[in-house]
């Protein structure tokens, strides 16, 4: 089942940062679509909830060097 989440992410400062987040998330099984916007400090992710959790998505963003805000 496809779900969407919009996360507030700090630390993205440019298009390269957006690309890093997209690349990291697109390697995860279950991630269907990623849109990262550094100016809005936002990452929108469409994902298969049966394959991956929001927590795992957040952890991947953290592992890429950014901060997911609550």
N, C-alpha and C. Protein backbone atom coordinates (compact mmCIF):
# COMPACT_ATOMS: atom_id res chain seq x y z
N UNK A 1 0.84 -1.19 0.00
CA UNK A 1 0.00 0.00 0.00
C UNK A 1 0.88 1.24 0.00
N UNK A 2 0.63 2.14 -0.91
CA UNK A 2 1.43 3.35 -1.05
C UNK A 2 0.98 4.41 -0.06
N UNK A 3 1.96 5.00 0.63
CA UNK A 3 1.71 6.10 1.55
C UNK A 3 2.67 7.23 1.23
N UNK A 4 2.38 8.41 1.80
CA UNK A 4 3.25 9.56 1.61
C UNK A 4 3.55 10.19 2.95
N UNK A 5 4.75 10.76 3.05
CA UNK A 5 5.13 11.50 4.24
C UNK A 5 5.90 12.73 3.80
N UNK A 6 5.70 13.82 4.54
CA UNK A 6 6.43 15.05 4.31
C UNK A 6 7.26 15.32 5.56
N UNK A 7 8.58 15.35 5.40
CA UNK A 7 9.48 15.53 6.54
C UNK A 7 10.18 16.87 6.47
N UNK A 8 10.33 17.51 7.63
CA UNK A 8 11.10 18.74 7.72
C UNK A 8 12.55 18.34 7.96
N UNK A 9 13.43 18.77 7.06
CA UNK A 9 14.84 18.35 7.11
C UNK A 9 15.73 19.58 7.09
N UNK A 10 16.56 19.71 8.11
CA UNK A 10 17.50 20.83 8.12
C UNK A 10 18.88 20.34 7.70
N UNK A 11 19.69 21.27 7.23
CA UNK A 11 21.04 20.95 6.80
C UNK A 11 21.21 20.93 5.29
N UNK A 12 20.10 20.86 4.54
CA UNK A 12 20.21 20.92 3.08
C UNK A 12 20.40 22.38 2.69
N UNK A 13 21.48 22.66 1.96
CA UNK A 13 21.79 24.05 1.62
C UNK A 13 21.78 24.33 0.12
N UNK A 14 21.69 23.26 -0.70
CA UNK A 14 21.79 23.49 -2.14
C UNK A 14 21.19 22.31 -2.91
N UNK A 15 21.22 22.42 -4.21
CA UNK A 15 20.73 21.34 -5.05
C UNK A 15 21.53 20.05 -4.89
N UNK A 16 22.81 20.19 -4.59
CA UNK A 16 23.63 19.01 -4.35
C UNK A 16 23.16 18.23 -3.13
N UNK A 17 22.76 18.96 -2.09
CA UNK A 17 22.22 18.33 -0.89
C UNK A 17 20.92 17.60 -1.22
N UNK A 18 20.08 18.24 -2.00
CA UNK A 18 18.83 17.62 -2.44
C UNK A 18 19.14 16.32 -3.17
N UNK A 19 20.11 16.36 -4.06
CA UNK A 19 20.50 15.19 -4.83
C UNK A 19 21.01 14.07 -3.94
N UNK A 20 21.79 14.42 -2.91
CA UNK A 20 22.30 13.42 -1.98
C UNK A 20 21.16 12.71 -1.26
N UNK A 21 20.16 13.47 -0.81
CA UNK A 21 19.02 12.88 -0.11
C UNK A 21 18.24 11.98 -1.06
N UNK A 22 17.99 12.46 -2.27
CA UNK A 22 17.24 11.66 -3.25
C UNK A 22 17.97 10.36 -3.56
N UNK A 23 19.27 10.45 -3.79
CA UNK A 23 20.06 9.27 -4.13
C UNK A 23 20.02 8.25 -2.99
N UNK A 24 20.21 8.73 -1.77
CA UNK A 24 20.19 7.84 -0.60
C UNK A 24 18.84 7.14 -0.47
N UNK A 25 17.76 7.91 -0.55
CA UNK A 25 16.44 7.33 -0.35
C UNK A 25 16.03 6.40 -1.50
N UNK A 26 16.43 6.74 -2.71
CA UNK A 26 16.06 5.92 -3.87
C UNK A 26 16.74 4.55 -3.87
N UNK A 27 17.76 4.37 -3.03
CA UNK A 27 18.40 3.05 -2.92
C UNK A 27 17.63 2.12 -1.99
N UNK A 28 16.68 2.66 -1.23
CA UNK A 28 15.94 1.87 -0.25
C UNK A 28 14.78 1.12 -0.89
N UNK A 29 14.65 -0.15 -0.56
CA UNK A 29 13.55 -0.95 -1.06
C UNK A 29 12.24 -0.43 -0.47
N UNK A 30 11.30 -0.11 -1.32
CA UNK A 30 10.01 0.39 -0.86
C UNK A 30 9.80 1.86 -1.10
N UNK A 31 10.87 2.61 -1.36
CA UNK A 31 10.73 4.03 -1.67
C UNK A 31 10.35 4.16 -3.14
N UNK A 32 9.25 4.86 -3.40
CA UNK A 32 8.72 4.97 -4.75
C UNK A 32 9.04 6.30 -5.43
N UNK A 33 9.01 7.38 -4.66
CA UNK A 33 9.22 8.72 -5.22
C UNK A 33 9.75 9.64 -4.13
N UNK A 34 10.74 10.45 -4.50
CA UNK A 34 11.33 11.39 -3.54
C UNK A 34 11.40 12.77 -4.16
N UNK A 35 10.98 13.77 -3.40
CA UNK A 35 11.16 15.16 -3.80
C UNK A 35 11.77 15.89 -2.62
N UNK A 36 12.97 16.45 -2.83
CA UNK A 36 13.67 17.19 -1.78
C UNK A 36 13.76 18.65 -2.19
N UNK A 37 13.45 19.55 -1.26
CA UNK A 37 13.46 20.99 -1.52
C UNK A 37 14.23 21.70 -0.41
N UNK A 38 15.47 22.11 -0.70
CA UNK A 38 16.29 22.69 0.35
C UNK A 38 15.77 24.05 0.83
N UNK A 39 15.20 24.83 -0.05
CA UNK A 39 14.70 26.15 0.38
C UNK A 39 13.53 26.04 1.34
N UNK A 40 12.71 25.01 1.16
CA UNK A 40 11.56 24.79 2.03
C UNK A 40 11.90 23.88 3.21
N UNK A 41 13.15 23.37 3.25
CA UNK A 41 13.59 22.42 4.27
C UNK A 41 12.62 21.24 4.35
N UNK A 42 12.30 20.66 3.19
CA UNK A 42 11.27 19.65 3.13
C UNK A 42 11.67 18.50 2.21
N UNK A 43 11.32 17.29 2.64
CA UNK A 43 11.49 16.10 1.80
C UNK A 43 10.17 15.35 1.79
N UNK A 44 9.61 15.19 0.60
CA UNK A 44 8.37 14.43 0.44
C UNK A 44 8.73 13.06 -0.12
N UNK A 45 8.18 12.02 0.51
CA UNK A 45 8.50 10.65 0.10
C UNK A 45 7.21 9.86 -0.07
N UNK A 46 7.09 9.22 -1.21
CA UNK A 46 6.01 8.25 -1.43
C UNK A 46 6.66 6.89 -1.29
N UNK A 47 6.03 5.99 -0.50
CA UNK A 47 6.66 4.72 -0.20
C UNK A 47 5.63 3.61 0.00
N UNK A 48 6.12 2.38 -0.06
CA UNK A 48 5.30 1.20 0.18
C UNK A 48 5.43 0.86 1.66
N UNK A 49 4.37 1.08 2.43
CA UNK A 49 4.40 0.90 3.88
C UNK A 49 4.61 -0.56 4.29
N UNK A 50 4.41 -1.48 3.37
CA UNK A 50 4.65 -2.88 3.68
C UNK A 50 6.13 -3.25 3.57
N UNK A 51 6.90 -2.38 2.93
CA UNK A 51 8.33 -2.65 2.74
C UNK A 51 9.24 -1.77 3.57
N UNK A 52 8.80 -0.55 3.90
CA UNK A 52 9.67 0.38 4.62
C UNK A 52 8.83 1.28 5.52
N UNK A 53 9.43 1.70 6.63
CA UNK A 53 8.73 2.56 7.59
C UNK A 53 9.23 4.01 7.49
N UNK A 54 8.45 4.91 8.05
CA UNK A 54 8.86 6.31 8.11
C UNK A 54 10.14 6.43 8.93
N UNK A 55 10.26 5.62 9.98
CA UNK A 55 11.45 5.65 10.82
C UNK A 55 12.70 5.29 10.02
N UNK A 56 12.58 4.28 9.16
CA UNK A 56 13.73 3.87 8.33
C UNK A 56 14.09 4.95 7.32
N UNK A 57 13.09 5.63 6.79
CA UNK A 57 13.33 6.73 5.86
C UNK A 57 14.05 7.87 6.59
N UNK A 58 13.56 8.21 7.77
CA UNK A 58 14.19 9.27 8.58
C UNK A 58 15.63 8.91 8.92
N UNK A 59 15.86 7.65 9.27
CA UNK A 59 17.22 7.21 9.61
C UNK A 59 18.15 7.34 8.41
N UNK A 60 17.67 7.02 7.23
CA UNK A 60 18.49 7.13 6.02
C UNK A 60 18.87 8.59 5.76
N UNK A 61 17.95 9.50 6.01
CA UNK A 61 18.25 10.93 5.83
C UNK A 61 19.29 11.36 6.86
N UNK A 62 19.15 10.90 8.09
CA UNK A 62 20.13 11.20 9.14
C UNK A 62 21.50 10.63 8.77
N UNK A 63 21.51 9.39 8.28
CA UNK A 63 22.77 8.76 7.86
C UNK A 63 23.45 9.53 6.72
N UNK A 64 22.65 10.23 5.92
CA UNK A 64 23.20 11.03 4.82
C UNK A 64 23.77 12.36 5.32
N UNK A 65 23.60 12.65 6.63
CA UNK A 65 24.21 13.85 7.20
C UNK A 65 23.26 15.01 7.44
N UNK A 66 21.97 14.74 7.40
CA UNK A 66 20.98 15.80 7.60
C UNK A 66 20.16 15.51 8.84
N UNK A 67 19.39 16.49 9.28
CA UNK A 67 18.61 16.36 10.50
C UNK A 67 17.12 16.37 10.18
N UNK A 68 16.44 15.31 10.57
CA UNK A 68 14.99 15.26 10.41
C UNK A 68 14.38 15.84 11.69
N UNK A 69 13.64 16.92 11.53
CA UNK A 69 13.05 17.60 12.69
C UNK A 69 11.70 16.98 13.03
N UNK A 70 11.39 16.96 14.30
CA UNK A 70 10.11 16.39 14.76
C UNK A 70 8.96 17.32 14.46
